[in-house]
Amino acid sequence: MTLQQKIDGGTAKICVIGLGYVGLPLAVEYAGAGFEVLGIDVDPRKIAKLNRGDNYIDDVDSNKLREIVKAGKFSAASDYKDIGAQEVIFICVPTPFTDNKEPDVSYIEDAAKGIATGLRRGQLIILKSTTYPETTEKVVQPILEAQKLKVGKDFHLAFSPERIDPGNKRFTTATTPVVVGGVTKTC
């Protein structure tokens, strides 16, 4: 079965790295749609709360979160030990500005390094973090390709900028159209 068939059929394993105001709503939507979702975050307090079904993001329905945790559709971890089993991986980490007003992409680099520990053929990695043009190709791609796999041939890599308006109940993660750009034509 192809990755596209798994996505269309709701059986692809989804991973969301960064469980803040972009990542957690995304993870909850996929899990609510029936996908098995693993969330990864560096904050152990978030991990503990989420695995109990406790919410900390206003845009996430607390009842829905409890339901997907109870149903085994969503779990959270602080490590990348299960990254190799995931088929679609979203990077939703923060990109704060440095003191020099430059984007700090260290969180993106750390996420890419974590993914690289289990990168395998057929995976799709999508960068959603707000960042400058070419971050996908110049920051993420070299880290992943250091594993001797080639983008567009062995794995897929894309950028899909976050399109979240926190607190806006009319345009949510589920109802806002997204733009996705693959690094190559086969992505």
N, C-alpha and C. Protein backbone atom coordinates (compact mmCIF):
# COMPACT_ATOMS: atom_id res chain seq x y z
N MET A 1 0.85 -1.18 0.00
CA MET A 1 0.00 0.00 0.00
C MET A 1 0.90 1.25 0.00
N THR A 2 0.57 2.19 -0.85
CA THR A 2 1.38 3.42 -0.92
C THR A 2 1.06 4.35 0.23
N LEU A 3 1.93 5.30 0.46
CA LEU A 3 1.69 6.30 1.50
C LEU A 3 0.41 7.07 1.19
N GLN A 4 0.21 7.44 -0.06
CA GLN A 4 -1.01 8.17 -0.44
C GLN A 4 -2.25 7.36 -0.11
N GLN A 5 -2.23 6.06 -0.37
CA GLN A 5 -3.37 5.20 -0.05
C GLN A 5 -3.59 5.13 1.47
N LYS A 6 -2.51 5.09 2.23
CA LYS A 6 -2.64 5.07 3.69
C LYS A 6 -3.22 6.38 4.21
N ILE A 7 -2.79 7.49 3.63
CA ILE A 7 -3.33 8.79 4.04
C ILE A 7 -4.81 8.86 3.69
N ASP A 8 -5.13 8.51 2.45
CA ASP A 8 -6.53 8.54 2.00
C ASP A 8 -7.42 7.62 2.83
N GLY A 9 -6.87 6.48 3.25
CA GLY A 9 -7.63 5.50 4.02
C GLY A 9 -7.60 5.73 5.53
N GLY A 10 -6.87 6.74 5.97
CA GLY A 10 -6.82 7.06 7.39
C GLY A 10 -5.97 6.11 8.22
N THR A 11 -5.06 5.38 7.56
CA THR A 11 -4.25 4.42 8.31
C THR A 11 -2.79 4.84 8.46
N ALA A 12 -2.39 5.95 7.84
CA ALA A 12 -1.00 6.41 7.98
C ALA A 12 -0.74 6.81 9.43
N LYS A 13 0.43 6.48 9.92
CA LYS A 13 0.82 6.89 11.27
C LYS A 13 1.38 8.30 11.19
N ILE A 14 0.82 9.18 12.01
CA ILE A 14 1.15 10.60 11.99
C ILE A 14 1.96 10.96 13.22
N CYS A 15 2.95 11.82 13.04
CA CYS A 15 3.72 12.36 14.16
C CYS A 15 3.73 13.88 14.05
N VAL A 16 3.51 14.54 15.17
CA VAL A 16 3.57 16.00 15.22
C VAL A 16 4.63 16.38 16.25
N ILE A 17 5.66 17.08 15.79
CA ILE A 17 6.74 17.51 16.68
C ILE A 17 6.50 18.97 17.04
N GLY A 18 6.33 19.22 18.33
CA GLY A 18 6.01 20.56 18.83
C GLY A 18 4.53 20.63 19.12
N LEU A 19 4.16 20.59 20.39
CA LEU A 19 2.75 20.51 20.78
C LEU A 19 2.26 21.82 21.38
N GLY A 20 2.51 22.90 20.66
CA GLY A 20 2.03 24.22 21.06
C GLY A 20 0.76 24.58 20.33
N TYR A 21 0.56 25.87 20.07
CA TYR A 21 -0.70 26.35 19.50
C TYR A 21 -0.90 25.95 18.04
N VAL A 22 0.15 25.49 17.36
CA VAL A 22 0.01 24.97 16.00
C VAL A 22 -0.05 23.44 16.03
N GLY A 23 0.90 22.82 16.70
CA GLY A 23 1.03 21.37 16.68
C GLY A 23 -0.08 20.61 17.38
N LEU A 24 -0.48 21.05 18.57
CA LEU A 24 -1.50 20.29 19.30
C LEU A 24 -2.84 20.29 18.57
N PRO A 25 -3.35 21.43 18.10
CA PRO A 25 -4.61 21.37 17.34
C PRO A 25 -4.51 20.47 16.10
N LEU A 26 -3.37 20.49 15.43
CA LEU A 26 -3.16 19.64 14.26
C LEU A 26 -3.21 18.17 14.65
N ALA A 27 -2.51 17.82 15.72
CA ALA A 27 -2.48 16.43 16.20
C ALA A 27 -3.88 15.96 16.59
N VAL A 28 -4.61 16.81 17.29
CA VAL A 28 -5.96 16.45 17.74
C VAL A 28 -6.90 16.25 16.54
N GLU A 29 -6.78 17.09 15.52
CA GLU A 29 -7.63 16.94 14.33
C GLU A 29 -7.35 15.61 13.63
N TYR A 30 -6.08 15.27 13.45
CA TYR A 30 -5.75 14.00 12.80
C TYR A 30 -6.22 12.82 13.63
N ALA A 31 -5.99 12.85 14.93
CA ALA A 31 -6.43 11.75 15.79
C ALA A 31 -7.95 11.65 15.80
N GLY A 32 -8.63 12.80 15.82
CA GLY A 32 -10.09 12.81 15.78
C GLY A 32 -10.64 12.25 14.48
N ALA A 33 -9.85 12.33 13.42
CA ALA A 33 -10.25 11.77 12.12
C ALA A 33 -9.93 10.28 12.02
N GLY A 34 -9.36 9.72 13.09
CA GLY A 34 -9.10 8.29 13.13
C GLY A 34 -7.66 7.86 12.94
N PHE A 35 -6.78 8.81 12.65
CA PHE A 35 -5.37 8.46 12.50
C PHE A 35 -4.75 8.17 13.86
N GLU A 36 -3.73 7.32 13.88
CA GLU A 36 -2.93 7.10 15.08
C GLU A 36 -1.86 8.19 15.09
N VAL A 37 -1.83 8.99 16.15
CA VAL A 37 -0.95 10.16 16.20
C VAL A 37 -0.02 10.09 17.41
N LEU A 38 1.25 10.34 17.14
CA LEU A 38 2.26 10.49 18.19
C LEU A 38 2.65 11.96 18.22
N GLY A 39 2.57 12.57 19.39
CA GLY A 39 3.03 13.94 19.56
C GLY A 39 4.36 13.93 20.30
N ILE A 40 5.29 14.75 19.85
CA ILE A 40 6.59 14.85 20.52
C ILE A 40 6.81 16.30 20.94
N ASP A 41 7.24 16.48 22.18
CA ASP A 41 7.55 17.81 22.69
C ASP A 41 8.67 17.68 23.72
N VAL A 42 9.45 18.73 23.88
CA VAL A 42 10.57 18.70 24.83
C VAL A 42 10.12 18.97 26.26
N ASP A 43 8.90 19.46 26.45
CA ASP A 43 8.42 19.84 27.78
C ASP A 43 7.74 18.64 28.46
N PRO A 44 8.38 18.06 29.48
CA PRO A 44 7.81 16.89 30.14
C PRO A 44 6.47 17.16 30.81
N ARG A 45 6.23 18.41 31.22
CA ARG A 45 4.93 18.74 31.83
C ARG A 45 3.80 18.63 30.81
N LYS A 46 4.07 19.08 29.58
CA LYS A 46 3.06 18.95 28.52
C LYS A 46 2.79 17.47 28.23
N ILE A 47 3.84 16.69 28.16
CA ILE A 47 3.69 15.26 27.86
C ILE A 47 2.82 14.59 28.91
N ALA A 48 3.12 14.84 30.18
CA ALA A 48 2.35 14.23 31.27
C ALA A 48 0.89 14.66 31.20
N LYS A 49 0.64 15.95 31.00
CA LYS A 49 -0.74 16.44 30.90
C LYS A 49 -1.48 15.78 29.75
N LEU A 50 -0.86 15.77 28.58
CA LEU A 50 -1.53 15.23 27.40
C LEU A 50 -1.84 13.75 27.55
N ASN A 51 -0.92 12.98 28.10
CA ASN A 51 -1.16 11.55 28.26
C ASN A 51 -2.24 11.25 29.30
N ARG A 52 -2.57 12.24 30.13
CA ARG A 52 -3.72 12.13 31.05
C ARG A 52 -4.99 12.65 30.39
N GLY A 53 -4.85 13.26 29.22
CA GLY A 53 -6.01 13.85 28.54
C GLY A 53 -6.30 15.26 28.99
N ASP A 54 -5.32 15.90 29.64
CA ASP A 54 -5.50 17.27 30.12
C ASP A 54 -5.02 18.26 29.06
N ASN A 55 -5.81 19.29 28.83
CA ASN A 55 -5.57 20.27 27.79
C ASN A 55 -4.93 21.54 28.34
N TYR A 56 -4.15 22.24 27.51
CA TYR A 56 -3.56 23.52 27.90
C TYR A 56 -3.62 24.55 26.76
N ILE A 57 -4.33 24.22 25.68
CA ILE A 57 -4.47 25.12 24.53
C ILE A 57 -5.94 25.47 24.35
N ASP A 58 -6.27 26.75 24.37
CA ASP A 58 -7.67 27.18 24.25
C ASP A 58 -8.35 26.68 22.99
N ASP A 59 -7.62 26.58 21.89
CA ASP A 59 -8.23 26.18 20.62
C ASP A 59 -8.47 24.68 20.49
N VAL A 60 -8.14 23.92 21.52
CA VAL A 60 -8.35 22.48 21.50
C VAL A 60 -9.53 22.14 22.40
N ASP A 61 -10.44 21.34 21.87
CA ASP A 61 -11.61 20.88 22.63
C ASP A 61 -11.13 19.85 23.66
N SER A 62 -11.28 20.18 24.94
CA SER A 62 -10.80 19.30 26.01
C SER A 62 -11.47 17.93 25.98
N ASN A 63 -12.76 17.89 25.68
CA ASN A 63 -13.46 16.61 25.61
C ASN A 63 -12.92 15.75 24.47
N LYS A 64 -12.67 16.38 23.34
CA LYS A 64 -12.12 15.65 22.19
C LYS A 64 -10.73 15.10 22.52
N LEU A 65 -9.92 15.89 23.20
CA LEU A 65 -8.59 15.43 23.59
C LEU A 65 -8.69 14.21 24.50
N ARG A 66 -9.56 14.28 25.51
CA ARG A 66 -9.73 13.14 26.42
C ARG A 66 -10.19 11.90 25.66
N GLU A 67 -11.11 12.09 24.72
CA GLU A 67 -11.64 10.96 23.94
C GLU A 67 -10.55 10.28 23.11
N ILE A 68 -9.72 11.07 22.43
CA ILE A 68 -8.70 10.46 21.56
C ILE A 68 -7.59 9.79 22.37
N VAL A 69 -7.29 10.34 23.55
CA VAL A 69 -6.30 9.70 24.43
C VAL A 69 -6.86 8.37 24.93
N LYS A 70 -8.11 8.40 25.39
CA LYS A 70 -8.76 7.19 25.91
C LYS A 70 -8.88 6.12 24.82
N ALA A 71 -9.14 6.54 23.58
CA ALA A 71 -9.29 5.60 22.46
C ALA A 71 -7.94 5.09 21.94
N GLY A 72 -6.84 5.63 22.48
CA GLY A 72 -5.52 5.21 22.03
C GLY A 72 -5.11 5.78 20.68
N LYS A 73 -5.78 6.83 20.24
CA LYS A 73 -5.46 7.46 18.96
C LYS A 73 -4.39 8.53 19.09
N PHE A 74 -4.14 9.00 20.30
CA PHE A 74 -3.13 10.03 20.52
C PHE A 74 -2.31 9.70 21.76
N SER A 75 -1.00 9.81 21.61
CA SER A 75 -0.10 9.69 22.76
C SER A 75 1.02 10.69 22.56
N ALA A 76 1.66 11.06 23.65
CA ALA A 76 2.72 12.06 23.61
C ALA A 76 3.99 11.49 24.23
N ALA A 77 5.12 11.95 23.70
CA ALA A 77 6.43 11.50 24.18
C ALA A 77 7.42 12.65 24.08
N SER A 78 8.51 12.53 24.80
CA SER A 78 9.54 13.57 24.75
C SER A 78 10.79 13.10 24.01
N ASP A 79 10.73 11.89 23.44
CA ASP A 79 11.89 11.37 22.72
C ASP A 79 11.47 10.90 21.32
N TYR A 80 12.46 10.55 20.55
CA TYR A 80 12.24 10.18 19.15
C TYR A 80 12.37 8.67 18.91
N LYS A 81 12.26 7.86 19.97
CA LYS A 81 12.52 6.43 19.81
C LYS A 81 11.56 5.74 18.85
N ASP A 82 10.34 6.28 18.69
CA ASP A 82 9.36 5.66 17.79
C ASP A 82 9.23 6.39 16.45
N ILE A 83 10.16 7.29 16.15
CA ILE A 83 10.04 8.11 14.93
C ILE A 83 10.11 7.25 13.66
N GLY A 84 10.84 6.17 13.69
CA GLY A 84 10.96 5.31 12.51
C GLY A 84 9.67 4.64 12.12
N ALA A 85 8.74 4.48 13.06
CA ALA A 85 7.45 3.85 12.76
C ALA A 85 6.44 4.83 12.17
N GLN A 86 6.76 6.11 12.20
CA GLN A 86 5.83 7.14 11.72
C GLN A 86 5.95 7.29 10.21
N GLU A 87 4.84 7.64 9.56
CA GLU A 87 4.84 7.76 8.10
C GLU A 87 4.74 9.20 7.62
N VAL A 88 4.02 10.02 8.35
CA VAL A 88 3.91 11.45 8.04
C VAL A 88 4.33 12.21 9.29
N ILE A 89 5.31 13.09 9.15
CA ILE A 89 5.86 13.80 10.30
C ILE A 89 5.78 15.30 10.06
N PHE A 90 5.09 15.99 10.96
CA PHE A 90 4.97 17.44 10.90
C PHE A 90 5.92 18.08 11.90
N ILE A 91 6.66 19.09 11.46
CA ILE A 91 7.51 19.87 12.36
C ILE A 91 6.78 21.18 12.65
N CYS A 92 6.37 21.36 13.90
CA CYS A 92 5.59 22.54 14.32
C CYS A 92 6.24 23.22 15.52
N VAL A 93 7.53 23.38 15.46
CA VAL A 93 8.27 23.94 16.59
C VAL A 93 8.36 25.46 16.50
N PRO A 94 8.64 26.12 17.63
CA PRO A 94 8.73 27.58 17.62
C PRO A 94 9.95 28.08 16.83
N THR A 95 9.83 29.28 16.30
CA THR A 95 10.94 29.95 15.62
C THR A 95 11.02 31.38 16.14
N PRO A 96 11.49 31.54 17.37
CA PRO A 96 11.58 32.88 17.95
C PRO A 96 12.68 33.70 17.27
N PHE A 97 12.71 34.97 17.56
CA PHE A 97 13.77 35.83 17.03
C PHE A 97 14.91 35.90 18.03
N THR A 98 16.13 36.01 17.52
CA THR A 98 17.30 36.20 18.37
C THR A 98 17.35 37.66 18.81
N ASP A 99 18.30 37.99 19.66
CA ASP A 99 18.48 39.38 20.08
C ASP A 99 18.79 40.29 18.90
N ASN A 100 19.34 39.72 17.83
CA ASN A 100 19.65 40.48 16.62
C ASN A 100 18.48 40.53 15.64
N LYS A 101 17.29 40.09 16.09
CA LYS A 101 16.07 40.09 15.27
C LYS A 101 16.16 39.15 14.07
N GLU A 102 16.93 38.07 14.22
CA GLU A 102 17.04 37.06 13.18
C GLU A 102 16.27 35.82 13.65
N PRO A 103 15.67 35.07 12.73
CA PRO A 103 14.95 33.87 13.14
C PRO A 103 15.91 32.83 13.74
N ASP A 104 15.51 32.27 14.85
CA ASP A 104 16.28 31.21 15.50
C ASP A 104 15.72 29.88 15.01
N VAL A 105 16.46 29.20 14.14
CA VAL A 105 15.98 27.94 13.59
C VAL A 105 16.54 26.72 14.34
N SER A 106 17.08 26.95 15.53
CA SER A 106 17.68 25.84 16.28
C SER A 106 16.64 24.78 16.66
N TYR A 107 15.40 25.18 16.91
CA TYR A 107 14.36 24.19 17.22
C TYR A 107 14.04 23.34 15.99
N ILE A 108 14.06 23.96 14.82
CA ILE A 108 13.85 23.22 13.57
C ILE A 108 15.01 22.24 13.36
N GLU A 109 16.23 22.71 13.59
CA GLU A 109 17.41 21.84 13.45
C GLU A 109 17.31 20.65 14.41
N ASP A 110 16.93 20.92 15.66
CA ASP A 110 16.81 19.84 16.65
C ASP A 110 15.76 18.82 16.23
N ALA A 111 14.63 19.30 15.71
CA ALA A 111 13.57 18.40 15.25
C ALA A 111 14.07 17.55 14.08
N ALA A 112 14.75 18.17 13.14
CA ALA A 112 15.29 17.44 11.98
C ALA A 112 16.29 16.38 12.43
N LYS A 113 17.13 16.72 13.41
CA LYS A 113 18.10 15.75 13.93
C LYS A 113 17.38 14.58 14.61
N GLY A 114 16.30 14.88 15.32
CA GLY A 114 15.51 13.81 15.94
C GLY A 114 14.89 12.90 14.90
N ILE A 115 14.34 13.50 13.84
CA ILE A 115 13.76 12.71 12.75
C ILE A 115 14.83 11.85 12.09
N ALA A 116 16.01 12.43 11.90
CA ALA A 116 17.10 11.72 11.22
C ALA A 116 17.48 10.43 11.93
N THR A 117 17.26 10.35 13.24
CA THR A 117 17.62 9.13 13.98
C THR A 117 16.80 7.93 13.54
N GLY A 118 15.64 8.17 12.94
CA GLY A 118 14.80 7.06 12.50
C GLY A 118 14.31 7.21 11.07
N LEU A 119 14.92 8.14 10.33
CA LEU A 119 14.48 8.37 8.95
C LEU A 119 14.59 7.10 8.12
N ARG A 120 13.53 6.83 7.36
CA ARG A 120 13.52 5.65 6.51
C ARG A 120 12.82 5.96 5.19
N ARG A 121 12.97 5.08 4.26
CA ARG A 121 12.35 5.25 2.95
C ARG A 121 10.83 5.36 3.08
N GLY A 122 10.26 6.24 2.27
CA GLY A 122 8.80 6.36 2.20
C GLY A 122 8.19 7.38 3.14
N GLN A 123 8.94 7.90 4.08
CA GLN A 123 8.37 8.88 5.01
C GLN A 123 8.15 10.23 4.34
N LEU A 124 7.18 10.96 4.86
CA LEU A 124 6.88 12.33 4.41
C LEU A 124 7.11 13.26 5.59
N ILE A 125 7.98 14.23 5.44
CA ILE A 125 8.27 15.21 6.48
C ILE A 125 7.78 16.56 5.98
N ILE A 126 6.98 17.25 6.81
CA ILE A 126 6.40 18.54 6.44
C ILE A 126 6.77 19.57 7.49
N LEU A 127 7.48 20.61 7.08
CA LEU A 127 7.82 21.72 7.97
C LEU A 127 6.66 22.70 7.97
N LYS A 128 6.09 22.97 9.17
CA LYS A 128 4.99 23.92 9.30
C LYS A 128 5.40 25.18 10.06
N SER A 129 6.52 25.14 10.71
CA SER A 129 6.98 26.28 11.51
C SER A 129 7.14 27.52 10.65
N THR A 130 6.82 28.67 11.23
CA THR A 130 7.00 29.94 10.53
C THR A 130 8.49 30.22 10.41
N THR A 131 8.96 30.42 9.19
CA THR A 131 10.38 30.63 8.99
C THR A 131 10.62 31.33 7.66
N TYR A 132 11.86 31.60 7.37
CA TYR A 132 12.22 32.31 6.15
C TYR A 132 12.28 31.34 4.96
N PRO A 133 12.19 31.88 3.72
CA PRO A 133 12.25 31.03 2.53
C PRO A 133 13.53 30.20 2.49
N GLU A 134 13.40 29.01 2.00
CA GLU A 134 14.48 28.05 1.80
C GLU A 134 14.95 27.35 3.07
N THR A 135 14.27 27.54 4.19
CA THR A 135 14.65 26.81 5.40
C THR A 135 14.53 25.31 5.18
N THR A 136 13.49 24.90 4.47
CA THR A 136 13.29 23.47 4.22
C THR A 136 14.49 22.89 3.48
N GLU A 137 14.92 23.58 2.41
CA GLU A 137 16.02 23.06 1.60
C GLU A 137 17.40 23.27 2.22
N LYS A 138 17.59 24.37 2.93
CA LYS A 138 18.94 24.70 3.42
C LYS A 138 19.20 24.28 4.86
N VAL A 139 18.16 24.02 5.62
CA VAL A 139 18.34 23.60 7.01
C VAL A 139 17.91 22.15 7.21
N VAL A 140 16.67 21.84 6.86
CA VAL A 140 16.13 20.50 7.13
C VAL A 140 16.71 19.44 6.18
N GLN A 141 16.68 19.72 4.89
CA GLN A 141 17.11 18.72 3.90
C GLN A 141 18.53 18.21 4.13
N PRO A 142 19.54 19.07 4.36
CA PRO A 142 20.89 18.53 4.58
C PRO A 142 21.00 17.63 5.81
N ILE A 143 20.27 17.95 6.85
CA ILE A 143 20.31 17.12 8.07
C ILE A 143 19.75 15.74 7.76
N LEU A 144 18.63 15.70 7.04
CA LEU A 144 18.00 14.42 6.72
C LEU A 144 18.82 13.63 5.70
N GLU A 145 19.34 14.31 4.69
CA GLU A 145 20.11 13.61 3.66
C GLU A 145 21.46 13.12 4.17
N ALA A 146 21.90 13.58 5.32
CA ALA A 146 23.13 13.06 5.92
C ALA A 146 22.97 11.58 6.30
N GLN A 147 21.73 11.10 6.30
CA GLN A 147 21.45 9.69 6.60
C GLN A 147 21.59 8.81 5.36
N LYS A 148 22.10 9.39 4.28
CA LYS A 148 22.35 8.67 3.01
C LYS A 148 21.05 8.32 2.29
N LEU A 149 19.98 9.04 2.57
CA LEU A 149 18.73 8.91 1.83
C LEU A 149 18.54 10.21 1.05
N LYS A 150 17.93 10.12 -0.11
CA LYS A 150 17.79 11.26 -1.01
C LYS A 150 16.33 11.74 -1.04
N VAL A 151 16.16 13.06 -0.85
CA VAL A 151 14.82 13.65 -0.91
C VAL A 151 14.27 13.47 -2.32
N GLY A 152 12.98 13.15 -2.41
CA GLY A 152 12.33 12.95 -3.69
C GLY A 152 12.49 11.56 -4.26
N LYS A 153 13.46 10.84 -3.75
CA LYS A 153 13.70 9.46 -4.18
C LYS A 153 13.39 8.48 -3.05
N ASP A 154 13.98 8.74 -1.89
CA ASP A 154 13.83 7.83 -0.75
C ASP A 154 12.78 8.31 0.26
N PHE A 155 12.67 9.60 0.43
CA PHE A 155 11.68 10.18 1.35
C PHE A 155 11.18 11.48 0.74
N HIS A 156 10.08 11.98 1.30
CA HIS A 156 9.45 13.19 0.78
C HIS A 156 9.60 14.32 1.80
N LEU A 157 9.78 15.54 1.30
CA LEU A 157 9.97 16.70 2.16
C LEU A 157 9.19 17.87 1.58
N ALA A 158 8.44 18.55 2.45
CA ALA A 158 7.60 19.66 1.99
C ALA A 158 7.54 20.76 3.04
N PHE A 159 7.07 21.92 2.61
CA PHE A 159 6.81 23.05 3.51
C PHE A 159 5.34 23.42 3.39
N SER A 160 4.70 23.59 4.52
CA SER A 160 3.30 24.01 4.56
C SER A 160 3.17 25.01 5.70
N PRO A 161 3.25 26.30 5.37
CA PRO A 161 3.28 27.31 6.44
C PRO A 161 2.05 27.25 7.33
N GLU A 162 2.30 27.46 8.62
CA GLU A 162 1.17 27.47 9.55
C GLU A 162 0.19 28.56 9.14
N ARG A 163 -1.08 28.24 9.29
CA ARG A 163 -2.13 29.19 8.92
C ARG A 163 -3.15 29.23 10.05
N ILE A 164 -2.65 29.46 11.22
CA ILE A 164 -3.47 29.44 12.43
C ILE A 164 -3.72 30.86 12.90
N ASP A 165 -4.93 31.11 13.32
CA ASP A 165 -5.31 32.37 13.95
C ASP A 165 -5.83 32.00 15.34
N PRO A 166 -4.93 31.90 16.33
CA PRO A 166 -5.35 31.43 17.65
C PRO A 166 -6.55 32.19 18.18
N GLY A 167 -7.51 31.43 18.67
CA GLY A 167 -8.72 32.03 19.24
C GLY A 167 -9.83 32.25 18.24
N ASN A 168 -9.56 32.14 16.96
CA ASN A 168 -10.57 32.35 15.94
C ASN A 168 -11.38 31.06 15.79
N LYS A 169 -12.61 31.07 16.23
CA LYS A 169 -13.46 29.87 16.20
C LYS A 169 -14.03 29.62 14.81
N ARG A 170 -14.03 30.63 13.95
CA ARG A 170 -14.59 30.48 12.60
C ARG A 170 -13.61 29.77 11.66
N PHE A 171 -12.34 30.11 11.78
CA PHE A 171 -11.32 29.49 10.93
C PHE A 171 -10.36 28.71 11.82
N THR A 172 -10.59 27.42 11.89
CA THR A 172 -9.80 26.54 12.76
C THR A 172 -8.82 25.71 11.93
N THR A 173 -8.07 24.87 12.61
CA THR A 173 -7.15 23.97 11.92
C THR A 173 -7.89 23.13 10.88
N ALA A 174 -9.10 22.69 11.23
CA ALA A 174 -9.86 21.82 10.33
C ALA A 174 -10.49 22.56 9.16
N THR A 175 -10.72 23.87 9.29
CA THR A 175 -11.46 24.58 8.24
C THR A 175 -10.63 25.56 7.42
N THR A 176 -9.38 25.73 7.77
CA THR A 176 -8.53 26.68 7.05
C THR A 176 -7.76 25.96 5.95
N PRO A 177 -7.89 26.41 4.70
CA PRO A 177 -7.13 25.79 3.61
C PRO A 177 -5.62 25.95 3.84
N VAL A 178 -4.86 25.00 3.35
CA VAL A 178 -3.41 25.06 3.51
C VAL A 178 -2.71 25.02 2.16
N VAL A 179 -1.51 25.53 2.15
CA VAL A 179 -0.64 25.49 0.99
C VAL A 179 0.49 24.52 1.31
N VAL A 180 0.81 23.64 0.38
CA VAL A 180 1.89 22.68 0.59
C VAL A 180 2.81 22.72 -0.63
N GLY A 181 4.10 22.87 -0.38
CA GLY A 181 5.07 22.87 -1.47
C GLY A 181 6.12 21.81 -1.25
N GLY A 182 6.20 20.85 -2.16
CA GLY A 182 7.21 19.80 -2.07
C GLY A 182 8.56 20.30 -2.56
N VAL A 183 9.62 19.76 -2.01
CA VAL A 183 10.98 20.15 -2.38
C VAL A 183 11.28 19.71 -3.83
N THR A 184 10.74 18.57 -4.23
CA THR A 184 10.89 18.10 -5.61
C THR A 184 9.51 17.80 -6.18
N LYS A 185 9.42 17.55 -7.47
CA LYS A 185 8.13 17.23 -8.10
C LYS A 185 7.53 15.95 -7.55
N THR A 186 8.36 15.01 -7.12
CA THR A 186 7.84 13.75 -6.59
C THR A 186 7.41 13.86 -5.14
N CYS A 187 7.77 14.95 -4.50
CA CYS A 187 7.36 15.15 -3.11
C CYS A 187 5.93 15.65 -3.07
